[in-house]
Amino acid sequence: MKLGVVGKGGVGKTTVSALLARAFAARGQRVLAIDTDSNPNLGVSLGLDQQQTDAVPVLPRSLIVGAAGSATAADVVRDYGVTTPSGVTLLSAIRVTDAGAGCTCAGHASVRSLLGEVMVGQADVTLVDMEAGLEHLSRSGGTLAYADVLLVVMEPSRKSVITAARTKALAAELGIPLVFGIGNKARPGDEEFFTALCGGFDVPLLGVLPYDDAVLDADRSGAALSEVPHAVDALLEAIAARTTVAG
């Protein structure tokens, strides 16, 4: 399964990506997590410290995987993958370290070519934590064009749900077969908000994660959550059920 995780800035996308990856790994799945944020921090949420996260090698800009390039998926995982304390293998696709260094399109093209390959030999689940916004659904032919499932993380705001609806429309143009919304940071009453507004904007709601002070504490300390919340397991069950029904 190839999962893309997207959403507007500040919705908790990287935290949700890490929790999903850790939950899949805890179930014995081989998980490959790809950080495409130009300011990569997924490694911290997977148990690396900041120094270790910054040391994760970045995929070369010229890298193309498959018949059109010189590398195989196995080459990429072997040469650039880093095993995290959570048992998830991490790839860093993009990092901006210099002002005026140019666009990151080549990095997105590398990820797109990697997702276009059969990953059975490398991972049971390949999860891509995308940079905030919608551009990744248009540039380089659509970074996530080969994803099986697109998960749109939303906070309890109207703008966030509208962004999810726009994302769903772009994903349909790319041919991504399944798109689901995930509500995040939900306080009492917010689950009803997500259900009502997602229904109005035709965004299939996969599930809702409650607001958790432990997430804020982990962000402040620069560490991963000590435990994966039970609500994340419910998301995995929902993904399995929806993908099975879709065939």
C-alpha atoms as a PDB file:
ATOM      1  CA  MET A   1       0.000   0.000   0.000  1.00  0.00           C
ATOM      2  CA  LYS A   2       1.219   3.490  -0.888  1.00  0.00           C
ATOM      3  CA  LEU A   3      -0.225   6.259   1.269  1.00  0.00           C
ATOM      4  CA  GLY A   4       0.120  10.009   0.802  1.00  0.00           C
ATOM      5  CA  VAL A   5      -0.560  12.263   3.806  1.00  0.00           C
ATOM      6  CA  VAL A   6      -1.420  15.863   2.972  1.00  0.00           C
ATOM      7  CA  GLY A   7      -3.129  18.913   4.489  1.00  0.00           C
ATOM      8  CA  LYS A   8      -2.890  22.642   5.019  1.00  0.00           C
ATOM      9  CA  GLY A   9      -0.177  24.031   7.263  1.00  0.00           C
ATOM     10  CA  GLY A  10      -0.491  23.480  10.989  1.00  0.00           C
ATOM     11  CA  VAL A  11      -3.025  20.637  10.969  1.00  0.00           C
ATOM     12  CA  GLY A  12      -0.598  18.128  12.497  1.00  0.00           C
ATOM     13  CA  LYS A  13       0.190  16.288   9.297  1.00  0.00           C
ATOM     14  CA  THR A  14       3.685  15.139  10.270  1.00  0.00           C
ATOM     15  CA  THR A  15       2.525  13.943  13.684  1.00  0.00           C
ATOM     16  CA  VAL A  16      -0.319  11.955  12.107  1.00  0.00           C
ATOM     17  CA  SER A  17       2.065  10.538   9.474  1.00  0.00           C
ATOM     18  CA  ALA A  18       4.448   9.340  12.176  1.00  0.00           C
ATOM     19  CA  LEU A  19       1.679   7.827  14.288  1.00  0.00           C
ATOM     20  CA  LEU A  20       0.280   5.931  11.314  1.00  0.00           C
ATOM     21  CA  ALA A  21       3.744   4.680  10.338  1.00  0.00           C
ATOM     22  CA  ARG A  22       4.474   3.563  13.903  1.00  0.00           C
ATOM     23  CA  ALA A  23       1.106   1.821  14.194  1.00  0.00           C
ATOM     24  CA  PHE A  24       1.663  -0.103  10.956  1.00  0.00           C
ATOM     25  CA  ALA A  25       5.155  -1.106  12.139  1.00  0.00           C
ATOM     26  CA  ALA A  26       3.789  -2.245  15.509  1.00  0.00           C
ATOM     27  CA  ARG A  27       1.562  -4.657  13.574  1.00  0.00           C
ATOM     28  CA  GLY A  28       4.602  -6.260  11.969  1.00  0.00           C
ATOM     29  CA  GLN A  29       4.410  -4.384   8.673  1.00  0.00           C
ATOM     30  CA  ARG A  30       7.562  -3.237   6.903  1.00  0.00           C
ATOM     31  CA  VAL A  31       7.079   0.524   6.713  1.00  0.00           C
ATOM     32  CA  LEU A  32       8.945   3.023   4.548  1.00  0.00           C
ATOM     33  CA  ALA A  33       8.236   6.656   5.467  1.00  0.00           C
ATOM     34  CA  ILE A  34       9.274   9.407   3.038  1.00  0.00           C
ATOM     35  CA  ASP A  35       9.633  12.980   4.284  1.00  0.00           C
ATOM     36  CA  THR A  36       9.111  15.461   1.442  1.00  0.00           C
ATOM     37  CA  ASP A  37       8.973  18.569   3.592  1.00  0.00           C
ATOM     38  CA  SER A  38      11.696  21.076   2.709  1.00  0.00           C
ATOM     39  CA  ASN A  39      12.092  21.538   6.488  1.00  0.00           C
ATOM     40  CA  PRO A  40      12.119  17.825   7.418  1.00  0.00           C
ATOM     41  CA  ASN A  41      11.095  16.809  10.949  1.00  0.00           C
ATOM     42  CA  LEU A  42       9.418  13.433  10.462  1.00  0.00           C
ATOM     43  CA  GLY A  43      12.487  11.706  11.902  1.00  0.00           C
ATOM     44  CA  VAL A  44      11.941  13.358  15.287  1.00  0.00           C
ATOM     45  CA  SER A  45       8.381  12.032  15.420  1.00  0.00           C
ATOM     46  CA  LEU A  46       9.738   8.562  14.612  1.00  0.00           C
ATOM     47  CA  GLY A  47      12.166   8.569  17.535  1.00  0.00           C
ATOM     48  CA  LEU A  48      15.355  10.133  16.186  1.00  0.00           C
ATOM     49  CA  ASP A  49      16.815  13.163  17.928  1.00  0.00           C
ATOM     50  CA  GLN A  50      17.258  16.406  16.012  1.00  0.00           C
ATOM     51  CA  GLN A  51      20.922  15.767  15.222  1.00  0.00           C
ATOM     52  CA  GLN A  52      20.139  12.301  13.866  1.00  0.00           C
ATOM     53  CA  THR A  53      17.230  13.679  11.843  1.00  0.00           C
ATOM     54  CA  ASP A  54      19.423  16.366  10.300  1.00  0.00           C
ATOM     55  CA  ALA A  55      22.000  13.690   9.412  1.00  0.00           C
ATOM     56  CA  VAL A  56      19.567  11.579   7.353  1.00  0.00           C
ATOM     57  CA  PRO A  57      20.951  11.647   3.783  1.00  0.00           C
ATOM     58  CA  VAL A  58      18.803  13.491   1.259  1.00  0.00           C
ATOM     59  CA  LEU A  59      17.945  11.840  -2.045  1.00  0.00           C
ATOM     60  CA  PRO A  60      20.041  13.318  -4.875  1.00  0.00           C
ATOM     61  CA  ARG A  61      18.129  15.795  -7.015  1.00  0.00           C
ATOM     62  CA  SER A  62      19.024  13.852 -10.138  1.00  0.00           C
ATOM     63  CA  LEU A  63      17.729  10.529  -8.809  1.00  0.00           C
ATOM     64  CA  ILE A  64      15.139   8.786 -10.964  1.00  0.00           C
ATOM     65  CA  VAL A  65      14.045   5.282  -9.995  1.00  0.00           C
ATOM     66  CA  GLY A  66      13.042   2.583 -12.430  1.00  0.00           C
ATOM     67  CA  ALA A  67      13.480   1.939 -16.139  1.00  0.00           C
ATOM     68  CA  ALA A  68      13.956   5.647 -16.926  1.00  0.00           C
ATOM     69  CA  GLY A  69      16.742   6.055 -14.360  1.00  0.00           C
ATOM     70  CA  SER A  70      19.805   4.327 -13.009  1.00  0.00           C
ATOM     71  CA  ALA A  71      18.561   3.300  -9.562  1.00  0.00           C
ATOM     72  CA  THR A  72      16.179   0.642  -8.298  1.00  0.00           C
ATOM     73  CA  ALA A  73      13.880   0.925  -5.306  1.00  0.00           C
ATOM     74  CA  ALA A  74      16.191  -1.493  -3.472  1.00  0.00           C
ATOM     75  CA  ASP A  75      19.168   0.782  -4.213  1.00  0.00           C
ATOM     76  CA  VAL A  76      17.361   3.799  -2.772  1.00  0.00           C
ATOM     77  CA  VAL A  77      16.291   2.079   0.448  1.00  0.00           C
ATOM     78  CA  ARG A  78      19.754   0.535   0.930  1.00  0.00           C
ATOM     79  CA  ASP A  79      21.747   3.707   0.255  1.00  0.00           C
ATOM     80  CA  TYR A  80      19.517   6.384   1.770  1.00  0.00           C
ATOM     81  CA  GLY A  81      17.144   4.674   4.196  1.00  0.00           C
ATOM     82  CA  VAL A  82      17.660   5.091   7.942  1.00  0.00           C
ATOM     83  CA  THR A  83      16.072   2.734  10.460  1.00  0.00           C
ATOM     84  CA  THR A  84      14.369   4.670  13.257  1.00  0.00           C
ATOM     85  CA  PRO A  85      13.744   3.530  16.853  1.00  0.00           C
ATOM     86  CA  SER A  86      10.093   2.950  15.919  1.00  0.00           C
ATOM     87  CA  GLY A  87      11.100   0.285  13.395  1.00  0.00           C
ATOM     88  CA  VAL A  88      10.147   2.503  10.457  1.00  0.00           C
ATOM     89  CA  THR A  89      12.666   3.097   7.667  1.00  0.00           C
ATOM     90  CA  LEU A  90      12.967   6.815   6.892  1.00  0.00           C
ATOM     91  CA  LEU A  91      13.878   8.508   3.616  1.00  0.00           C
ATOM     92  CA  SER A  92      14.445  12.250   3.341  1.00  0.00           C
ATOM     93  CA  ALA A  93      13.569  13.466  -0.147  1.00  0.00           C
ATOM     94  CA  ILE A  94      14.006  17.229   0.137  1.00  0.00           C
ATOM     95  CA  ARG A  95      15.877  19.676   2.350  1.00  0.00           C
ATOM     96  CA  VAL A  96      16.369  23.396   1.760  1.00  0.00           C
ATOM     97  CA  THR A  97      19.583  24.579   3.421  1.00  0.00           C
ATOM     98  CA  ASP A  98      20.624  27.545   1.269  1.00  0.00           C
ATOM     99  CA  ALA A  99      18.752  30.674   0.269  1.00  0.00           C
ATOM    100  CA  GLY A 100      18.206  30.976  -3.459  1.00  0.00           C
ATOM    101  CA  ALA A 101      18.972  27.282  -4.028  1.00  0.00           C
ATOM    102  CA  GLY A 102      16.174  26.901  -6.553  1.00  0.00           C
ATOM    103  CA  CYS A 103      12.953  24.893  -6.628  1.00  0.00           C
ATOM    104  CA  THR A 104      12.504  21.429  -5.167  1.00  0.00           C
ATOM    105  CA  CYS A 105      10.839  19.954  -8.252  1.00  0.00           C
ATOM    106  CA  ALA A 106      13.614  17.409  -8.808  1.00  0.00           C
ATOM    107  CA  GLY A 107      13.088  15.971  -5.342  1.00  0.00           C
ATOM    108  CA  HIS A 108       9.384  15.588  -5.989  1.00  0.00           C
ATOM    109  CA  ALA A 109      10.135  13.886  -9.313  1.00  0.00           C
ATOM    110  CA  SER A 110      12.379  11.411  -7.470  1.00  0.00           C
ATOM    111  CA  VAL A 111       9.593  10.534  -5.048  1.00  0.00           C
ATOM    112  CA  ARG A 112       7.111  10.174  -7.895  1.00  0.00           C
ATOM    113  CA  SER A 113       9.426   7.765  -9.724  1.00  0.00           C
ATOM    114  CA  LEU A 114       9.965   5.754  -6.527  1.00  0.00           C
ATOM    115  CA  LEU A 115       6.213   5.424  -5.948  1.00  0.00           C
ATOM    116  CA  GLY A 116       5.828   4.305  -9.548  1.00  0.00           C
ATOM    117  CA  GLU A 117       7.858   1.195  -8.785  1.00  0.00           C
ATOM    118  CA  VAL A 118       6.561  -2.049  -7.291  1.00  0.00           C
ATOM    119  CA  MET A 119       7.594  -1.773  -3.630  1.00  0.00           C
ATOM    120  CA  VAL A 120       6.678  -5.300  -2.489  1.00  0.00           C
ATOM    121  CA  GLY A 121      10.325  -6.238  -2.013  1.00  0.00           C
ATOM    122  CA  GLN A 122      11.049  -3.143   0.071  1.00  0.00           C
ATOM    123  CA  ALA A 123       7.973  -2.342   2.161  1.00  0.00           C
ATOM    124  CA  ASP A 124       4.445  -3.445   2.945  1.00  0.00           C
ATOM    125  CA  VAL A 125       3.437   0.176   3.501  1.00  0.00           C
ATOM    126  CA  THR A 126       5.057   3.200   1.872  1.00  0.00           C
ATOM    127  CA  LEU A 127       3.887   6.419   3.514  1.00  0.00           C
ATOM    128  CA  VAL A 128       4.707   9.867   2.143  1.00  0.00           C
ATOM    129  CA  ASP A 129       4.497  12.894   4.439  1.00  0.00           C
ATOM    130  CA  MET A 130       3.950  15.774   2.027  1.00  0.00           C
ATOM    131  CA  GLU A 131       4.738  19.441   2.444  1.00  0.00           C
ATOM    132  CA  ALA A 132       1.738  21.628   3.305  1.00  0.00           C
ATOM    133  CA  GLY A 133      -0.402  22.909   0.457  1.00  0.00           C
ATOM    134  CA  LEU A 134      -1.664  21.629  -2.894  1.00  0.00           C
ATOM    135  CA  GLU A 135       1.299  22.196  -5.206  1.00  0.00           C
ATOM    136  CA  HIS A 136       2.553  18.628  -4.843  1.00  0.00           C
ATOM    137  CA  LEU A 137      -0.562  17.446  -6.666  1.00  0.00           C
ATOM    138  CA  SER A 138       0.398  19.454  -9.741  1.00  0.00           C
ATOM    139  CA  ARG A 139       4.175  19.677 -10.049  1.00  0.00           C
ATOM    140  CA  SER A 140       6.404  16.996 -11.563  1.00  0.00           C
ATOM    141  CA  GLY A 141       3.361  15.260 -12.984  1.00  0.00           C
ATOM    142  CA  GLY A 142       1.901  14.988  -9.492  1.00  0.00           C
ATOM    143  CA  THR A 143       4.234  13.718  -6.778  1.00  0.00           C
ATOM    144  CA  LEU A 144       1.570  11.367  -5.459  1.00  0.00           C
ATOM    145  CA  ALA A 145       0.209  10.202  -8.825  1.00  0.00           C
ATOM    146  CA  TYR A 146       1.039   6.573  -7.969  1.00  0.00           C
ATOM    147  CA  ALA A 147      -0.424   6.616  -4.449  1.00  0.00           C
ATOM    148  CA  ASP A 148      -3.155   4.099  -3.650  1.00  0.00           C
ATOM    149  CA  VAL A 149      -4.695   6.186  -0.870  1.00  0.00           C
ATOM    150  CA  LEU A 150      -4.568   9.896  -0.105  1.00  0.00           C
ATOM    151  CA  LEU A 151      -5.203  10.949   3.507  1.00  0.00           C
ATOM    152  CA  VAL A 152      -6.039  14.606   4.090  1.00  0.00           C
ATOM    153  CA  VAL A 153      -5.445  15.743   7.675  1.00  0.00           C
ATOM    154  CA  MET A 154      -7.840  18.440   8.886  1.00  0.00           C
ATOM    155  CA  GLU A 155      -8.115  20.525  12.026  1.00  0.00           C
ATOM    156  CA  PRO A 156     -11.587  21.559  13.205  1.00  0.00           C
ATOM    157  CA  SER A 157     -11.918  24.605  10.947  1.00  0.00           C
ATOM    158  CA  ARG A 158     -13.975  25.337   7.860  1.00  0.00           C
ATOM    159  CA  LYS A 159     -10.868  26.344   5.872  1.00  0.00           C
ATOM    160  CA  SER A 160      -9.240  23.012   6.630  1.00  0.00           C
ATOM    161  CA  VAL A 161     -12.229  21.025   5.359  1.00  0.00           C
ATOM    162  CA  ILE A 162     -12.481  23.215   2.238  1.00  0.00           C
ATOM    163  CA  THR A 163      -8.792  22.484   1.568  1.00  0.00           C
ATOM    164  CA  ALA A 164      -9.589  18.779   1.852  1.00  0.00           C
ATOM    165  CA  ALA A 165     -12.389  19.140  -0.696  1.00  0.00           C
ATOM    166  CA  ARG A 166     -10.062  20.925  -3.134  1.00  0.00           C
ATOM    167  CA  THR A 167      -7.436  18.233  -2.568  1.00  0.00           C
ATOM    168  CA  LYS A 168      -9.978  15.515  -3.313  1.00  0.00           C
ATOM    169  CA  ALA A 169     -10.808  17.123  -6.655  1.00  0.00           C
ATOM    170  CA  LEU A 170      -7.142  17.361  -7.677  1.00  0.00           C
ATOM    171  CA  ALA A 171      -6.508  13.780  -6.579  1.00  0.00           C
ATOM    172  CA  ALA A 172      -9.352  12.605  -8.806  1.00  0.00           C
ATOM    173  CA  GLU A 173      -7.712  14.326 -11.795  1.00  0.00           C
ATOM    174  CA  LEU A 174      -4.462  12.484 -11.015  1.00  0.00           C
ATOM    175  CA  GLY A 175      -6.302   9.177 -10.805  1.00  0.00           C
ATOM    176  CA  ILE A 176      -5.653   8.514  -7.112  1.00  0.00           C
ATOM    177  CA  PRO A 177      -8.390   5.970  -6.372  1.00  0.00           C
ATOM    178  CA  LEU A 178      -9.134   6.628  -2.691  1.00  0.00           C
ATOM    179  CA  VAL A 179      -9.176   9.914  -0.765  1.00  0.00           C
ATOM    180  CA  PHE A 180     -10.187  10.203   2.896  1.00  0.00           C
ATOM    181  CA  GLY A 181     -10.203  12.973   5.461  1.00  0.00           C
ATOM    182  CA  ILE A 182      -8.789  12.554   8.970  1.00  0.00           C
ATOM    183  CA  GLY A 183      -9.991  14.965  11.633  1.00  0.00           C
ATOM    184  CA  ASN A 184      -7.297  15.996  14.094  1.00  0.00           C
ATOM    185  CA  LYS A 185      -7.034  17.997  17.335  1.00  0.00           C
ATOM    186  CA  ALA A 186     -10.693  17.324  18.092  1.00  0.00           C
ATOM    187  CA  ARG A 187     -12.164  18.632  21.337  1.00  0.00           C
ATOM    188  CA  PRO A 188     -15.664  17.811  22.618  1.00  0.00           C
ATOM    189  CA  GLY A 189     -18.178  18.565  19.864  1.00  0.00           C
ATOM    190  CA  ASP A 190     -15.596  18.671  17.077  1.00  0.00           C
ATOM    191  CA  GLU A 191     -16.349  15.155  15.844  1.00  0.00           C
ATOM    192  CA  GLU A 192     -19.883  16.292  15.035  1.00  0.00           C
ATOM    193  CA  PHE A 193     -18.398  19.343  13.275  1.00  0.00           C
ATOM    194  CA  PHE A 194     -16.176  17.147  11.108  1.00  0.00           C
ATOM    195  CA  THR A 195     -19.022  14.774  10.281  1.00  0.00           C
ATOM    196  CA  ALA A 196     -21.375  17.558   9.251  1.00  0.00           C
ATOM    197  CA  LEU A 197     -18.941  19.679   7.263  1.00  0.00           C
ATOM    198  CA  CYS A 198     -17.200  16.777   5.538  1.00  0.00           C
ATOM    199  CA  GLY A 199     -20.621  15.504   4.519  1.00  0.00           C
ATOM    200  CA  GLY A 200     -21.488  18.903   3.091  1.00  0.00           C
ATOM    201  CA  PHE A 201     -18.265  19.087   1.073  1.00  0.00           C
ATOM    202  CA  ASP A 202     -18.290  15.415   0.019  1.00  0.00           C
ATOM    203  CA  VAL A 203     -15.080  14.507   1.870  1.00  0.00           C
ATOM    204  CA  PRO A 204     -15.218  10.890   3.111  1.00  0.00           C
ATOM    205  CA  LEU A 205     -14.295  11.017   6.793  1.00  0.00           C
ATOM    206  CA  LEU A 206     -12.036   8.133   7.809  1.00  0.00           C
ATOM    207  CA  GLY A 207     -11.911   8.977  11.501  1.00  0.00           C
ATOM    208  CA  VAL A 208     -11.147  11.645  14.085  1.00  0.00           C
ATOM    209  CA  LEU A 209      -8.166  11.957  16.430  1.00  0.00           C
ATOM    210  CA  PRO A 210      -8.781  13.790  19.722  1.00  0.00           C
ATOM    211  CA  TYR A 211      -6.736  16.731  20.947  1.00  0.00           C
ATOM    212  CA  ASP A 212      -3.935  15.376  23.123  1.00  0.00           C
ATOM    213  CA  ASP A 213      -1.718  17.427  25.435  1.00  0.00           C
ATOM    214  CA  ALA A 214       0.931  14.724  25.080  1.00  0.00           C
ATOM    215  CA  VAL A 215       1.401  15.736  21.431  1.00  0.00           C
ATOM    216  CA  LEU A 216       2.086  19.333  22.443  1.00  0.00           C
ATOM    217  CA  ASP A 217       4.480  18.193  25.169  1.00  0.00           C
ATOM    218  CA  ALA A 218       6.367  15.996  22.688  1.00  0.00           C
ATOM    219  CA  ASP A 219       6.648  18.862  20.196  1.00  0.00           C
ATOM    220  CA  ARG A 220       7.999  21.165  22.885  1.00  0.00           C
ATOM    221  CA  SER A 221      10.584  18.633  24.045  1.00  0.00           C
ATOM    222  CA  GLY A 222      11.573  17.638  20.496  1.00  0.00           C
ATOM    223  CA  ALA A 223      10.768  13.974  21.054  1.00  0.00           C
ATOM    224  CA  ALA A 224       8.394  11.344  19.750  1.00  0.00           C
ATOM    225  CA  LEU A 225       5.219  10.421  21.593  1.00  0.00           C
ATOM    226  CA  SER A 226       5.944   7.626  24.046  1.00  0.00           C
ATOM    227  CA  GLU A 227       2.868   5.680  22.927  1.00  0.00           C
ATOM    228  CA  VAL A 228       0.650   5.580  19.865  1.00  0.00           C
ATOM    229  CA  PRO A 229      -2.905   6.600  20.908  1.00  0.00           C
ATOM    230  CA  HIS A 230      -5.580   3.920  20.563  1.00  0.00           C
ATOM    231  CA  ALA A 231      -7.503   6.155  18.163  1.00  0.00           C
ATOM    232  CA  VAL A 232      -4.749   5.620  15.586  1.00  0.00           C
ATOM    233  CA  ASP A 233      -5.430   1.863  15.588  1.00  0.00           C
ATOM    234  CA  ALA A 234      -9.028   2.673  14.684  1.00  0.00           C
ATOM    235  CA  LEU A 235      -7.735   4.606  11.662  1.00  0.00           C
ATOM    236  CA  LEU A 236      -5.734   1.578  10.529  1.00  0.00           C
ATOM    237  CA  GLU A 237      -8.807  -0.605  10.845  1.00  0.00           C
ATOM    238  CA  ALA A 238     -10.794   1.916   8.813  1.00  0.00           C
ATOM    239  CA  ILE A 239      -8.102   2.042   6.106  1.00  0.00           C
ATOM    240  CA  ALA A 240      -8.080  -1.751   5.894  1.00  0.00           C
ATOM    241  CA  ALA A 241     -11.878  -1.903   5.695  1.00  0.00           C
ATOM    242  CA  ARG A 242     -12.216   0.838   3.071  1.00  0.00           C
ATOM    243  CA  THR A 243      -9.415  -0.500   0.850  1.00  0.00           C
ATOM    244  CA  THR A 244     -10.812  -4.036   1.047  1.00  0.00           C
ATOM    245  CA  VAL A 245     -14.240  -2.829  -0.024  1.00  0.00           C
ATOM    246  CA  ALA A 246     -12.646  -0.856  -2.881  1.00  0.00           C
ATOM    247  CA  GLY A 247     -10.950  -4.026  -4.072  1.00  0.00           C
END
